[in-house]
Amino acid sequence: MNPTKRNYRATFILDNRGKEDSIEQIIEGVKKEIAAVQGDVTAVENIGKKDFVRVTDRKFTGATYVHINFSAPADGPSHLKERLRLNSSVYRTFVQSA
């Protein structure tokens, strides 16, 4: 059975402090996680580094924002958030229907 896919736009806040991985390597890892939940990436837009409006950690005042458009089954975003929850390179994940 082929599930119906929906379109989503996800915003990821990436944290590469103290890591050897570049932002591009982290983005490739996120794309692999999207593919693992039967998702197809359609577009990637690296917004760049932005400062946070509300700083919760004085040593972490800003990070790199990335928008990724993808299509996935209806339960794809929840599975993706669960898979990325333990990934320390992804600080926050926001997924919305496109």
C-alpha atoms as a PDB file:
ATOM      1  CA  MET A   1       0.000   0.000   0.000  1.00  0.00           C
ATOM      2  CA  ASN A   2       1.337   3.404  -0.992  1.00  0.00           C
ATOM      3  CA  PRO A   3       0.446   6.033   1.632  1.00  0.00           C
ATOM      4  CA  THR A   4      -0.631   9.469   0.491  1.00  0.00           C
ATOM      5  CA  LYS A   5       2.108  12.023   1.038  1.00  0.00           C
ATOM      6  CA  ARG A   6       1.588  15.566   2.243  1.00  0.00           C
ATOM      7  CA  ASN A   7       3.828  18.588   1.793  1.00  0.00           C
ATOM      8  CA  TYR A   8       5.612  20.095   4.786  1.00  0.00           C
ATOM      9  CA  ARG A   9       8.002  22.959   5.486  1.00  0.00           C
ATOM     10  CA  ALA A  10      10.357  22.394   8.387  1.00  0.00           C
ATOM     11  CA  THR A  11      12.619  24.911  10.085  1.00  0.00           C
ATOM     12  CA  PHE A  12      15.635  23.521  11.884  1.00  0.00           C
ATOM     13  CA  ILE A  13      17.899  25.413  14.266  1.00  0.00           C
ATOM     14  CA  LEU A  14      21.305  23.759  14.040  1.00  0.00           C
ATOM     15  CA  ASP A  15      23.957  23.743  16.758  1.00  0.00           C
ATOM     16  CA  ASN A  16      27.507  22.842  15.758  1.00  0.00           C
ATOM     17  CA  ARG A  17      29.295  24.249  18.812  1.00  0.00           C
ATOM     18  CA  GLY A  18      32.230  22.059  19.746  1.00  0.00           C
ATOM     19  CA  LYS A  19      31.638  19.648  16.876  1.00  0.00           C
ATOM     20  CA  GLU A  20      33.758  18.907  13.842  1.00  0.00           C
ATOM     21  CA  ASP A  21      30.720  18.610  11.561  1.00  0.00           C
ATOM     22  CA  SER A  22      30.041  21.516   9.241  1.00  0.00           C
ATOM     23  CA  ILE A  23      26.539  22.891   8.732  1.00  0.00           C
ATOM     24  CA  GLU A  24      26.366  21.136   5.339  1.00  0.00           C
ATOM     25  CA  GLN A  25      27.155  17.780   6.972  1.00  0.00           C
ATOM     26  CA  ILE A  26      24.443  18.341   9.579  1.00  0.00           C
ATOM     27  CA  ILE A  27      21.953  19.242   6.815  1.00  0.00           C
ATOM     28  CA  GLU A  28      22.825  16.015   4.978  1.00  0.00           C
ATOM     29  CA  GLY A  29      22.189  14.093   8.204  1.00  0.00           C
ATOM     30  CA  VAL A  30      18.776  15.752   8.587  1.00  0.00           C
ATOM     31  CA  LYS A  31      17.962  14.875   4.961  1.00  0.00           C
ATOM     32  CA  LYS A  32      18.828  11.233   5.712  1.00  0.00           C
ATOM     33  CA  GLU A  33      16.481  11.309   8.717  1.00  0.00           C
ATOM     34  CA  ILE A  34      13.695  12.679   6.498  1.00  0.00           C
ATOM     35  CA  ALA A  35      14.328   9.845   4.022  1.00  0.00           C
ATOM     36  CA  ALA A  36      14.174   7.353   6.915  1.00  0.00           C
ATOM     37  CA  VAL A  37      10.550   8.382   7.619  1.00  0.00           C
ATOM     38  CA  GLN A  38       9.616   7.867   3.917  1.00  0.00           C
ATOM     39  CA  GLY A  39      10.050  11.571   3.142  1.00  0.00           C
ATOM     40  CA  ASP A  40      11.247  13.175  -0.086  1.00  0.00           C
ATOM     41  CA  VAL A  41      13.198  16.436   0.209  1.00  0.00           C
ATOM     42  CA  THR A  42      12.127  18.975  -2.423  1.00  0.00           C
ATOM     43  CA  ALA A  43      14.059  22.116  -1.397  1.00  0.00           C
ATOM     44  CA  VAL A  44      16.716  23.204   1.102  1.00  0.00           C
ATOM     45  CA  GLU A  45      17.296  26.848   2.040  1.00  0.00           C
ATOM     46  CA  ASN A  46      20.122  27.781   4.393  1.00  0.00           C
ATOM     47  CA  ILE A  47      19.004  31.041   6.039  1.00  0.00           C
ATOM     48  CA  GLY A  48      22.283  31.533   7.883  1.00  0.00           C
ATOM     49  CA  LYS A  49      23.165  32.450  11.440  1.00  0.00           C
ATOM     50  CA  LYS A  50      20.631  34.533  13.349  1.00  0.00           C
ATOM     51  CA  ASP A  51      20.529  35.752  16.918  1.00  0.00           C
ATOM     52  CA  PHE A  52      17.795  34.460  19.206  1.00  0.00           C
ATOM     53  CA  VAL A  53      15.120  36.895  20.365  1.00  0.00           C
ATOM     54  CA  ARG A  54      14.952  35.176  23.749  1.00  0.00           C
ATOM     55  CA  VAL A  55      18.273  33.857  24.950  1.00  0.00           C
ATOM     56  CA  THR A  56      18.022  30.938  27.362  1.00  0.00           C
ATOM     57  CA  ASP A  57      21.789  30.318  27.536  1.00  0.00           C
ATOM     58  CA  ARG A  58      24.195  33.267  27.592  1.00  0.00           C
ATOM     59  CA  LYS A  59      26.841  31.166  25.865  1.00  0.00           C
ATOM     60  CA  PHE A  60      24.428  30.279  23.028  1.00  0.00           C
ATOM     61  CA  THR A  61      22.938  33.489  21.661  1.00  0.00           C
ATOM     62  CA  GLY A  62      22.353  32.474  18.032  1.00  0.00           C
ATOM     63  CA  ALA A  63      22.441  29.577  15.601  1.00  0.00           C
ATOM     64  CA  THR A  64      22.054  28.612  11.955  1.00  0.00           C
ATOM     65  CA  TYR A  65      18.508  28.355  10.599  1.00  0.00           C
ATOM     66  CA  VAL A  66      17.616  26.011   7.724  1.00  0.00           C
ATOM     67  CA  HIS A  67      14.276  25.598   5.900  1.00  0.00           C
ATOM     68  CA  ILE A  68      13.630  22.211   4.283  1.00  0.00           C
ATOM     69  CA  ASN A  69      10.557  21.488   2.165  1.00  0.00           C
ATOM     70  CA  PHE A  70       9.611  17.828   1.960  1.00  0.00           C
ATOM     71  CA  SER A  71       6.725  15.475   1.339  1.00  0.00           C
ATOM     72  CA  ALA A  72       5.980  12.622   3.730  1.00  0.00           C
ATOM     73  CA  PRO A  73       3.093  10.518   5.040  1.00  0.00           C
ATOM     74  CA  ALA A  74       0.801  12.112   7.629  1.00  0.00           C
ATOM     75  CA  ASP A  75       2.729  10.581  10.544  1.00  0.00           C
ATOM     76  CA  GLY A  76       6.110  11.610   9.076  1.00  0.00           C
ATOM     77  CA  PRO A  77       6.587  14.863  11.045  1.00  0.00           C
ATOM     78  CA  SER A  78       5.977  13.211  14.413  1.00  0.00           C
ATOM     79  CA  HIS A  79       8.394  10.376  13.587  1.00  0.00           C
ATOM     80  CA  LEU A  80      10.952  12.914  12.332  1.00  0.00           C
ATOM     81  CA  LYS A  81      10.770  14.967  15.538  1.00  0.00           C
ATOM     82  CA  GLU A  82      11.202  11.814  17.603  1.00  0.00           C
ATOM     83  CA  ARG A  83      14.247  10.724  15.573  1.00  0.00           C
ATOM     84  CA  LEU A  84      15.866  14.180  15.835  1.00  0.00           C
ATOM     85  CA  ARG A  85      15.092  14.614  19.544  1.00  0.00           C
ATOM     86  CA  LEU A  86      18.291  12.812  20.537  1.00  0.00           C
ATOM     87  CA  ASN A  87      20.441  14.493  17.871  1.00  0.00           C
ATOM     88  CA  SER A  88      22.479  17.158  19.658  1.00  0.00           C
ATOM     89  CA  SER A  89      23.251  18.960  16.381  1.00  0.00           C
ATOM     90  CA  VAL A  90      19.580  19.867  15.888  1.00  0.00           C
ATOM     91  CA  TYR A  91      18.655  22.383  18.576  1.00  0.00           C
ATOM     92  CA  ARG A  92      14.991  22.942  17.576  1.00  0.00           C
ATOM     93  CA  THR A  93      12.594  21.560  14.978  1.00  0.00           C
ATOM     94  CA  PHE A  94       9.447  23.284  13.695  1.00  0.00           C
ATOM     95  CA  VAL A  95       7.289  21.461  11.120  1.00  0.00           C
ATOM     96  CA  GLN A  96       4.258  22.991   9.435  1.00  0.00           C
ATOM     97  CA  SER A  97       1.999  21.909   6.589  1.00  0.00           C
ATOM     98  CA  ALA A  98       2.785  23.623   3.309  1.00  0.00           C
END
